[in-house]
Amino acid sequence: MGYSSDVTDREWEIIEPLLPQKKKTRPPVWTKRQILNGIFYQLKNGCNWGDLPRNLPPYSTVFWHYKQWCEDGIWKNIMTELHGRMREQVKKNHSGRP
């Protein structure tokens, strides 16, 4: 069951390389894409973290990653990349100057 906030395959191709690589420990229970879908679900719907649907990762996992990625500047990197791609699509330079 998907949600309108879920990341599409094309979006995932862009975002995946921008996310931090997992340290070589035990295999993850949840994929980064599932965690990202949980974050986007919460942001789009404005629900409490604890009210995430049961088919998404647990809210503690989703919130931990959201907080960690905020602190590490991952969201800023994603936004910078997406902003640059959009500027290229409309044929503007990266600096914002004509």
PDB file of N, CA and C in Angstrom:
ATOM      1  N   MET A   1       0.841  -1.178   0.000  1.00  0.00           N
ATOM      2  CA  MET A   1       0.000   0.000   0.000  1.00  0.00           C
ATOM      3  C   MET A   1       0.884   1.237   0.000  1.00  0.00           C
ATOM      4  N   GLY A   2       0.782   2.042  -1.027  1.00  0.00           N
ATOM      5  CA  GLY A   2       1.587   3.237  -1.109  1.00  0.00           C
ATOM      6  C   GLY A   2       0.806   4.476  -0.709  1.00  0.00           C
ATOM      7  N   TYR A   3       1.538   5.529  -0.425  1.00  0.00           N
ATOM      8  CA  TYR A   3       0.948   6.810  -0.052  1.00  0.00           C
ATOM      9  C   TYR A   3       1.371   7.849  -1.082  1.00  0.00           C
ATOM     10  N   SER A   4       0.601   8.908  -1.196  1.00  0.00           N
ATOM     11  CA  SER A   4       0.936   9.956  -2.162  1.00  0.00           C
ATOM     12  C   SER A   4       2.251  10.640  -1.810  1.00  0.00           C
ATOM     13  N   SER A   5       2.696  10.505  -0.582  1.00  0.00           N
ATOM     14  CA  SER A   5       3.957  11.114  -0.148  1.00  0.00           C
ATOM     15  C   SER A   5       5.166  10.210  -0.414  1.00  0.00           C
ATOM     16  N   ASP A   6       4.937   8.978  -0.879  1.00  0.00           N
ATOM     17  CA  ASP A   6       6.046   8.051  -1.130  1.00  0.00           C
ATOM     18  C   ASP A   6       6.954   8.557  -2.248  1.00  0.00           C
ATOM     19  N   VAL A   7       8.217   8.236  -2.124  1.00  0.00           N
ATOM     20  CA  VAL A   7       9.221   8.622  -3.104  1.00  0.00           C
ATOM     21  C   VAL A   7       9.060   7.751  -4.353  1.00  0.00           C
ATOM     22  N   THR A   8       9.038   8.385  -5.518  1.00  0.00           N
ATOM     23  CA  THR A   8       8.952   7.626  -6.770  1.00  0.00           C
ATOM     24  C   THR A   8      10.332   7.034  -7.092  1.00  0.00           C
ATOM     25  N   ASP A   9      10.360   6.108  -8.036  1.00  0.00           N
ATOM     26  CA  ASP A   9      11.637   5.512  -8.438  1.00  0.00           C
ATOM     27  C   ASP A   9      12.600   6.579  -8.962  1.00  0.00           C
ATOM     28  N   ARG A  10      12.099   7.503  -9.741  1.00  0.00           N
ATOM     29  CA  ARG A  10      12.950   8.574 -10.301  1.00  0.00           C
ATOM     30  C   ARG A  10      13.490   9.477  -9.187  1.00  0.00           C
ATOM     31  N   GLU A  11      12.632   9.837  -8.248  1.00  0.00           N
ATOM     32  CA  GLU A  11      13.072  10.660  -7.110  1.00  0.00           C
ATOM     33  C   GLU A  11      14.118   9.918  -6.286  1.00  0.00           C
ATOM     34  N   TRP A  12      13.907   8.618  -6.111  1.00  0.00           N
ATOM     35  CA  TRP A  12      14.832   7.807  -5.329  1.00  0.00           C
ATOM     36  C   TRP A  12      16.214   7.755  -5.985  1.00  0.00           C
ATOM     37  N   GLU A  13      16.256   7.687  -7.312  1.00  0.00           N
ATOM     38  CA  GLU A  13      17.538   7.678  -8.031  1.00  0.00           C
ATOM     39  C   GLU A  13      18.350   8.934  -7.723  1.00  0.00           C
ATOM     40  N   ILE A  14      17.661  10.043  -7.530  1.00  0.00           N
ATOM     41  CA  ILE A  14      18.340  11.308  -7.239  1.00  0.00           C
ATOM     42  C   ILE A  14      18.749  11.393  -5.770  1.00  0.00           C
ATOM     43  N   ILE A  15      17.859  10.999  -4.875  1.00  0.00           N
ATOM     44  CA  ILE A  15      18.087  11.187  -3.441  1.00  0.00           C
ATOM     45  C   ILE A  15      19.006  10.134  -2.830  1.00  0.00           C
ATOM     46  N   GLU A  16      18.910   8.898  -3.274  1.00  0.00           N
ATOM     47  CA  GLU A  16      19.671   7.811  -2.632  1.00  0.00           C
ATOM     48  C   GLU A  16      21.160   8.116  -2.481  1.00  0.00           C
ATOM     49  N   PRO A  17      21.851   8.594  -3.530  1.00  0.00           N
ATOM     50  CA  PRO A  17      23.289   8.846  -3.362  1.00  0.00           C
ATOM     51  C   PRO A  17      23.609   9.975  -2.382  1.00  0.00           C
ATOM     52  N   LEU A  18      22.621  10.794  -2.051  1.00  0.00           N
ATOM     53  CA  LEU A  18      22.849  11.916  -1.148  1.00  0.00           C
ATOM     54  C   LEU A  18      22.700  11.531   0.322  1.00  0.00           C
ATOM     55  N   LEU A  19      22.158  10.344   0.571  1.00  0.00           N
ATOM     56  CA  LEU A  19      21.979   9.883   1.945  1.00  0.00           C
ATOM     57  C   LEU A  19      23.269   9.236   2.451  1.00  0.00           C
ATOM     58  N   PRO A  20      23.510   9.308   3.761  1.00  0.00           N
ATOM     59  CA  PRO A  20      24.747   8.733   4.294  1.00  0.00           C
ATOM     60  C   PRO A  20      24.777   7.221   4.127  1.00  0.00           C
ATOM     61  N   GLN A  21      25.979   6.700   3.932  1.00  0.00           N
ATOM     62  CA  GLN A  21      26.159   5.255   3.821  1.00  0.00           C
ATOM     63  C   GLN A  21      26.132   4.631   5.213  1.00  0.00           C
ATOM     64  N   LYS A  22      25.530   3.465   5.308  1.00  0.00           N
ATOM     65  CA  LYS A  22      25.446   2.775   6.589  1.00  0.00           C
ATOM     66  C   LYS A  22      26.806   2.197   6.946  1.00  0.00           C
ATOM     67  N   LYS A  23      27.134   2.297   8.212  1.00  0.00           N
ATOM     68  CA  LYS A  23      28.368   1.680   8.690  1.00  0.00           C
ATOM     69  C   LYS A  23      28.216   0.169   8.594  1.00  0.00           C
ATOM     70  N   LYS A  24      29.317  -0.521   8.446  1.00  0.00           N
ATOM     71  CA  LYS A  24      29.283  -1.975   8.286  1.00  0.00           C
ATOM     72  C   LYS A  24      29.005  -2.644   9.635  1.00  0.00           C
ATOM     73  N   THR A  25      27.730  -2.744   9.950  1.00  0.00           N
ATOM     74  CA  THR A  25      27.303  -3.448  11.158  1.00  0.00           C
ATOM     75  C   THR A  25      26.283  -4.484  10.724  1.00  0.00           C
ATOM     76  N   ARG A  26      25.308  -4.724  11.518  1.00  0.00           N
ATOM     77  CA  ARG A  26      24.290  -5.707  11.130  1.00  0.00           C
ATOM     78  C   ARG A  26      23.402  -5.146  10.023  1.00  0.00           C
ATOM     79  N   PRO A  27      22.779  -6.022   9.253  1.00  0.00           N
ATOM     80  CA  PRO A  27      21.913  -5.553   8.160  1.00  0.00           C
ATOM     81  C   PRO A  27      20.730  -4.750   8.722  1.00  0.00           C
ATOM     82  N   PRO A  28      20.327  -3.695   8.023  1.00  0.00           N
ATOM     83  CA  PRO A  28      19.212  -2.881   8.534  1.00  0.00           C
ATOM     84  C   PRO A  28      17.884  -3.619   8.412  1.00  0.00           C
ATOM     85  N   VAL A  29      17.000  -3.320   9.336  1.00  0.00           N
ATOM     86  CA  VAL A  29      15.659  -3.895   9.309  1.00  0.00           C
ATOM     87  C   VAL A  29      14.810  -3.145   8.277  1.00  0.00           C
ATOM     88  N   TRP A  30      15.014  -1.831   8.183  1.00  0.00           N
ATOM     89  CA  TRP A  30      14.256  -0.971   7.285  1.00  0.00           C
ATOM     90  C   TRP A  30      15.199  -0.328   6.276  1.00  0.00           C
ATOM     91  N   THR A  31      14.755  -0.199   5.039  1.00  0.00           N
ATOM     92  CA  THR A  31      15.576   0.460   4.032  1.00  0.00           C
ATOM     93  C   THR A  31      15.504   1.975   4.223  1.00  0.00           C
ATOM     94  N   LYS A  32      16.483   2.668   3.666  1.00  0.00           N
ATOM     95  CA  LYS A  32      16.469   4.133   3.732  1.00  0.00           C
ATOM     96  C   LYS A  32      15.246   4.689   3.008  1.00  0.00           C
ATOM     97  N   ARG A  33      14.848   4.018   1.951  1.00  0.00           N
ATOM     98  CA  ARG A  33      13.671   4.479   1.210  1.00  0.00           C
ATOM     99  C   ARG A  33      12.418   4.375   2.072  1.00  0.00           C
ATOM    100  N   GLN A  34      12.261   3.299   2.825  1.00  0.00           N
ATOM    101  CA  GLN A  34      11.114   3.158   3.716  1.00  0.00           C
ATOM    102  C   GLN A  34      11.137   4.237   4.805  1.00  0.00           C
ATOM    103  N   ILE A  35      12.323   4.516   5.319  1.00  0.00           N
ATOM    104  CA  ILE A  35      12.466   5.554   6.347  1.00  0.00           C
ATOM    105  C   ILE A  35      12.122   6.918   5.750  1.00  0.00           C
ATOM    106  N   LEU A  36      12.626   7.196   4.565  1.00  0.00           N
ATOM    107  CA  LEU A  36      12.333   8.458   3.889  1.00  0.00           C
ATOM    108  C   LEU A  36      10.830   8.584   3.623  1.00  0.00           C
ATOM    109  N   ASN A  37      10.186   7.499   3.211  1.00  0.00           N
ATOM    110  CA  ASN A  37       8.737   7.523   3.004  1.00  0.00           C
ATOM    111  C   ASN A  37       8.014   7.841   4.312  1.00  0.00           C
ATOM    112  N   GLY A  38       8.505   7.325   5.426  1.00  0.00           N
ATOM    113  CA  GLY A  38       7.922   7.637   6.731  1.00  0.00           C
ATOM    114  C   GLY A  38       8.075   9.111   7.077  1.00  0.00           C
ATOM    115  N   ILE A  39       9.248   9.667   6.809  1.00  0.00           N
ATOM    116  CA  ILE A  39       9.493  11.090   7.069  1.00  0.00           C
ATOM    117  C   ILE A  39       8.560  11.936   6.211  1.00  0.00           C
ATOM    118  N   PHE A  40       8.487  11.637   4.914  1.00  0.00           N
ATOM    119  CA  PHE A  40       7.639  12.416   4.023  1.00  0.00           C
ATOM    120  C   PHE A  40       6.155  12.279   4.376  1.00  0.00           C
ATOM    121  N   TYR A  41       5.750  11.089   4.834  1.00  0.00           N
ATOM    122  CA  TYR A  41       4.357  10.903   5.253  1.00  0.00           C
ATOM    123  C   TYR A  41       4.043  11.844   6.413  1.00  0.00           C
ATOM    124  N   GLN A  42       4.921  11.871   7.395  1.00  0.00           N
ATOM    125  CA  GLN A  42       4.690  12.723   8.571  1.00  0.00           C
ATOM    126  C   GLN A  42       4.687  14.197   8.181  1.00  0.00           C
ATOM    127  N   LEU A  43       5.635  14.609   7.351  1.00  0.00           N
ATOM    128  CA  LEU A  43       5.722  16.011   6.956  1.00  0.00           C
ATOM    129  C   LEU A  43       4.511  16.445   6.132  1.00  0.00           C
ATOM    130  N   LYS A  44       4.049  15.567   5.245  1.00  0.00           N
ATOM    131  CA  LYS A  44       2.905  15.923   4.397  1.00  0.00           C
ATOM    132  C   LYS A  44       1.610  15.962   5.189  1.00  0.00           C
ATOM    133  N   ASN A  45       1.416  14.995   6.063  1.00  0.00           N
ATOM    134  CA  ASN A  45       0.139  14.867   6.761  1.00  0.00           C
ATOM    135  C   ASN A  45       0.098  15.579   8.108  1.00  0.00           C
ATOM    136  N   GLY A  46       1.263  15.958   8.623  1.00  0.00           N
ATOM    137  CA  GLY A  46       1.299  16.697   9.875  1.00  0.00           C
ATOM    138  C   GLY A  46       0.868  15.892  11.094  1.00  0.00           C
ATOM    139  N   CYS A  47       0.898  14.586  10.991  1.00  0.00           N
ATOM    140  CA  CYS A  47       0.508  13.760  12.130  1.00  0.00           C
ATOM    141  C   CYS A  47       1.638  13.727  13.165  1.00  0.00           C
ATOM    142  N   ASN A  48       1.320  13.278  14.347  1.00  0.00           N
ATOM    143  CA  ASN A  48       2.366  13.042  15.345  1.00  0.00           C
ATOM    144  C   ASN A  48       3.237  11.898  14.858  1.00  0.00           C
ATOM    145  N   TRP A  49       4.509  11.927  15.245  1.00  0.00           N
ATOM    146  CA  TRP A  49       5.407  10.851  14.819  1.00  0.00           C
ATOM    147  C   TRP A  49       4.854   9.491  15.226  1.00  0.00           C
ATOM    148  N   GLY A  50       4.286   9.413  16.403  1.00  0.00           N
ATOM    149  CA  GLY A  50       3.751   8.145  16.897  1.00  0.00           C
ATOM    150  C   GLY A  50       2.529   7.653  16.157  1.00  0.00           C
ATOM    151  N   ASP A  51       1.951   8.498  15.303  1.00  0.00           N
ATOM    152  CA  ASP A  51       0.751   8.120  14.559  1.00  0.00           C
ATOM    153  C   ASP A  51       1.041   7.659  13.131  1.00  0.00           C
ATOM    154  N   LEU A  52       2.300   7.367  12.842  1.00  0.00           N
ATOM    155  CA  LEU A  52       2.625   6.845  11.508  1.00  0.00           C
ATOM    156  C   LEU A  52       1.909   5.513  11.293  1.00  0.00           C
ATOM    157  N   PRO A  53       1.465   5.247  10.061  1.00  0.00           N
ATOM    158  CA  PRO A  53       0.817   3.961   9.787  1.00  0.00           C
ATOM    159  C   PRO A  53       1.731   2.785  10.134  1.00  0.00           C
ATOM    160  N   ARG A  54       1.142   1.689  10.477  1.00  0.00           N
ATOM    161  CA  ARG A  54       1.890   0.508  10.935  1.00  0.00           C
ATOM    162  C   ARG A  54       2.745  -0.142   9.848  1.00  0.00           C
ATOM    163  N   ASN A  55       2.443   0.127   8.568  1.00  0.00           N
ATOM    164  CA  ASN A  55       3.246  -0.487   7.507  1.00  0.00           C
ATOM    165  C   ASN A  55       4.496   0.335   7.182  1.00  0.00           C
ATOM    166  N   LEU A  56       4.673   1.462   7.865  1.00  0.00           N
ATOM    167  CA  LEU A  56       5.911   2.233   7.761  1.00  0.00           C
ATOM    168  C   LEU A  56       6.810   1.849   8.923  1.00  0.00           C
ATOM    169  N   PRO A  57       8.094   2.192   8.874  1.00  0.00           N
ATOM    170  CA  PRO A  57       8.966   1.866  10.001  1.00  0.00           C
ATOM    171  C   PRO A  57       8.445   2.499  11.297  1.00  0.00           C
ATOM    172  N   PRO A  58       8.857   1.970  12.451  1.00  0.00           N
ATOM    173  CA  PRO A  58       8.420   2.545  13.728  1.00  0.00           C
ATOM    174  C   PRO A  58       8.794   4.027  13.814  1.00  0.00           C
ATOM    175  N   TYR A  59       7.949   4.785  14.487  1.00  0.00           N
ATOM    176  CA  TYR A  59       8.182   6.230  14.547  1.00  0.00           C
ATOM    177  C   TYR A  59       9.525   6.566  15.182  1.00  0.00           C
ATOM    178  N   SER A  60       9.974   5.754  16.124  1.00  0.00           N
ATOM    179  CA  SER A  60      11.261   6.041  16.765  1.00  0.00           C
ATOM    180  C   SER A  60      12.406   5.949  15.756  1.00  0.00           C
ATOM    181  N   THR A  61      12.331   5.005  14.844  1.00  0.00           N
ATOM    182  CA  THR A  61      13.339   4.851  13.794  1.00  0.00           C
ATOM    183  C   THR A  61      13.258   6.014  12.806  1.00  0.00           C
ATOM    184  N   VAL A  62      12.051   6.328  12.378  1.00  0.00           N
ATOM    185  CA  VAL A  62      11.847   7.406  11.407  1.00  0.00           C
ATOM    186  C   VAL A  62      12.307   8.732  12.000  1.00  0.00           C
ATOM    187  N   PHE A  63      11.890   9.031  13.234  1.00  0.00           N
ATOM    188  CA  PHE A  63      12.252  10.306  13.858  1.00  0.00           C
ATOM    189  C   PHE A  63      13.748  10.386  14.111  1.00  0.00           C
ATOM    190  N   TRP A  64      14.364   9.287  14.528  1.00  0.00           N
ATOM    191  CA  TRP A  64      15.812   9.295  14.788  1.00  0.00           C
ATOM    192  C   TRP A  64      16.566   9.664  13.516  1.00  0.00           C
ATOM    193  N   HIS A  65      16.203   9.038  12.406  1.00  0.00           N
ATOM    194  CA  HIS A  65      16.872   9.340  11.140  1.00  0.00           C
ATOM    195  C   HIS A  65      16.603  10.777  10.705  1.00  0.00           C
ATOM    196  N   TYR A  66      15.376  11.242  10.853  1.00  0.00           N
ATOM    197  CA  TYR A  66      15.050  12.626  10.494  1.00  0.00           C
ATOM    198  C   TYR A  66      15.936  13.589  11.286  1.00  0.00           C
ATOM    199  N   LYS A  67      16.003  13.380  12.582  1.00  0.00           N
ATOM    200  CA  LYS A  67      16.796  14.255  13.452  1.00  0.00           C
ATOM    201  C   LYS A  67      18.279  14.175  13.095  1.00  0.00           C
ATOM    202  N   GLN A  68      18.774  12.974  12.884  1.00  0.00           N
ATOM    203  CA  GLN A  68      20.184  12.772  12.554  1.00  0.00           C
ATOM    204  C   GLN A  68      20.537  13.441  11.224  1.00  0.00           C
ATOM    205  N   TRP A  69      19.673  13.275  10.229  1.00  0.00           N
ATOM    206  CA  TRP A  69      19.929  13.866   8.924  1.00  0.00           C
ATOM    207  C   TRP A  69      19.835  15.392   8.977  1.00  0.00           C
ATOM    208  N   CYS A  70      18.992  15.923   9.868  1.00  0.00           N
ATOM    209  CA  CYS A  70      18.956  17.380  10.069  1.00  0.00           C
ATOM    210  C   CYS A  70      20.288  17.866  10.633  1.00  0.00           C
ATOM    211  N   GLU A  71      20.756  17.201  11.669  1.00  0.00           N
ATOM    212  CA  GLU A  71      22.001  17.592  12.339  1.00  0.00           C
ATOM    213  C   GLU A  71      23.205  17.459  11.412  1.00  0.00           C
ATOM    214  N   ASP A  72      23.195  16.467  10.547  1.00  0.00           N
ATOM    215  CA  ASP A  72      24.326  16.216   9.645  1.00  0.00           C
ATOM    216  C   ASP A  72      24.269  17.036   8.352  1.00  0.00           C
ATOM    217  N   GLY A  73      23.229  17.831   8.177  1.00  0.00           N
ATOM    218  CA  GLY A  73      23.118  18.661   6.984  1.00  0.00           C
ATOM    219  C   GLY A  73      22.676  17.915   5.738  1.00  0.00           C
ATOM    220  N   ILE A  74      22.158  16.713   5.909  1.00  0.00           N
ATOM    221  CA  ILE A  74      21.730  15.897   4.761  1.00  0.00           C
ATOM    222  C   ILE A  74      20.568  16.572   4.031  1.00  0.00           C
ATOM    223  N   TRP A  75      19.608  17.108   4.766  1.00  0.00           N
ATOM    224  CA  TRP A  75      18.462  17.760   4.135  1.00  0.00           C
ATOM    225  C   TRP A  75      18.902  18.968   3.328  1.00  0.00           C
ATOM    226  N   LYS A  76      19.863  19.706   3.845  1.00  0.00           N
ATOM    227  CA  LYS A  76      20.373  20.874   3.106  1.00  0.00           C
ATOM    228  C   LYS A  76      21.031  20.421   1.801  1.00  0.00           C
ATOM    229  N   ASN A  77      21.799  19.342   1.857  1.00  0.00           N
ATOM    230  CA  ASN A  77      22.438  18.812   0.648  1.00  0.00           C
ATOM    231  C   ASN A  77      21.395  18.368  -0.381  1.00  0.00           C
ATOM    232  N   ILE A  78      20.335  17.713   0.093  1.00  0.00           N
ATOM    233  CA  ILE A  78      19.276  17.258  -0.810  1.00  0.00           C
ATOM    234  C   ILE A  78      18.603  18.465  -1.460  1.00  0.00           C
ATOM    235  N   MET A  79      18.285  19.466  -0.659  1.00  0.00           N
ATOM    236  CA  MET A  79      17.624  20.656  -1.204  1.00  0.00           C
ATOM    237  C   MET A  79      18.525  21.396  -2.187  1.00  0.00           C
ATOM    238  N   THR A  80      19.813  21.479  -1.896  1.00  0.00           N
ATOM    239  CA  THR A  80      20.747  22.137  -2.808  1.00  0.00           C
ATOM    240  C   THR A  80      20.799  21.403  -4.143  1.00  0.00           C
ATOM    241  N   GLU A  81      20.867  20.083  -4.094  1.00  0.00           N
ATOM    242  CA  GLU A  81      20.903  19.276  -5.318  1.00  0.00           C
ATOM    243  C   GLU A  81      19.616  19.441  -6.123  1.00  0.00           C
ATOM    244  N   LEU A  82      18.476  19.336  -5.452  1.00  0.00           N
ATOM    245  CA  LEU A  82      17.203  19.460  -6.153  1.00  0.00           C
ATOM    246  C   LEU A  82      17.016  20.867  -6.726  1.00  0.00           C
ATOM    247  N   HIS A  83      17.436  21.873  -5.985  1.00  0.00           N
ATOM    248  CA  HIS A  83      17.333  23.251  -6.458  1.00  0.00           C
ATOM    249  C   HIS A  83      18.195  23.436  -7.714  1.00  0.00           C
ATOM    250  N   GLY A  84      19.406  22.913  -7.691  1.00  0.00           N
ATOM    251  CA  GLY A  84      20.283  23.007  -8.858  1.00  0.00           C
ATOM    252  C   GLY A  84      19.701  22.321 -10.074  1.00  0.00           C
ATOM    253  N   ARG A  85      19.105  21.162  -9.869  1.00  0.00           N
ATOM    254  CA  ARG A  85      18.492  20.437 -10.988  1.00  0.00           C
ATOM    255  C   ARG A  85      17.311  21.217 -11.571  1.00  0.00           C
ATOM    256  N   MET A  86      16.528  21.830 -10.709  1.00  0.00           N
ATOM    257  CA  MET A  86      15.399  22.623 -11.190  1.00  0.00           C
ATOM    258  C   MET A  86      15.880  23.841 -11.974  1.00  0.00           C
ATOM    259  N   ARG A  87      16.939  24.480 -11.516  1.00  0.00           N
ATOM    260  CA  ARG A  87      17.484  25.642 -12.221  1.00  0.00           C
ATOM    261  C   ARG A  87      18.000  25.225 -13.597  1.00  0.00           C
ATOM    262  N   GLU A  88      18.603  24.042 -13.683  1.00  0.00           N
ATOM    263  CA  GLU A  88      19.066  23.552 -14.983  1.00  0.00           C
ATOM    264  C   GLU A  88      17.889  23.327 -15.922  1.00  0.00           C
ATOM    265  N   GLN A  89      16.798  22.800 -15.386  1.00  0.00           N
ATOM    266  CA  GLN A  89      15.617  22.543 -16.218  1.00  0.00           C
ATOM    267  C   GLN A  89      15.047  23.827 -16.804  1.00  0.00           C
ATOM    268  N   VAL A  90      15.137  24.913 -16.054  1.00  0.00           N
ATOM    269  CA  VAL A  90      14.605  26.180 -16.561  1.00  0.00           C
ATOM    270  C   VAL A  90      15.718  27.059 -17.120  1.00  0.00           C
ATOM    271  N   LYS A  91      16.895  26.444 -17.312  1.00  0.00           N
ATOM    272  CA  LYS A  91      18.029  27.094 -17.971  1.00  0.00           C
ATOM    273  C   LYS A  91      18.563  28.332 -17.231  1.00  0.00           C
ATOM    274  N   LYS A  92      18.648  28.222 -15.911  1.00  0.00           N
ATOM    275  CA  LYS A  92      19.245  29.312 -15.133  1.00  0.00           C
ATOM    276  C   LYS A  92      20.531  28.795 -14.518  1.00  0.00           C
ATOM    277  N   ASN A  93      21.443  29.710 -14.198  1.00  0.00           N
ATOM    278  CA  ASN A  93      22.694  29.259 -13.600  1.00  0.00           C
ATOM    279  C   ASN A  93      22.513  29.010 -12.106  1.00  0.00           C
ATOM    280  N   HIS A  94      23.471  28.325 -11.489  1.00  0.00           N
ATOM    281  CA  HIS A  94      23.371  27.921 -10.093  1.00  0.00           C
ATOM    282  C   HIS A  94      23.432  29.094  -9.113  1.00  0.00           C
ATOM    283  N   SER A  95      24.061  30.185  -9.484  1.00  0.00           N
ATOM    284  CA  SER A  95      24.219  31.294  -8.557  1.00  0.00           C
ATOM    285  C   SER A  95      22.949  32.112  -8.403  1.00  0.00           C
ATOM    286  N   GLY A  96      22.019  31.967  -9.329  1.00  0.00           N
ATOM    287  CA  GLY A  96      20.783  32.744  -9.269  1.00  0.00           C
ATOM    288  C   GLY A  96      20.897  34.070  -9.995  1.00  0.00           C
ATOM    289  N   ARG A  97      22.064  34.338 -10.536  1.00  0.00           N
ATOM    290  CA  ARG A  97      22.257  35.575 -11.287  1.00  0.00           C
ATOM    291  C   ARG A  97      22.056  35.295 -12.776  1.00  0.00           C
ATOM    292  N   PRO A  98      21.480  36.264 -13.495  1.00  0.00           N
ATOM    293  CA  PRO A  98      21.234  36.058 -14.943  1.00  0.00           C
ATOM    294  C   PRO A  98      22.489  35.900 -15.748  1.00  0.00           C
TER     295      PRO A  98
END
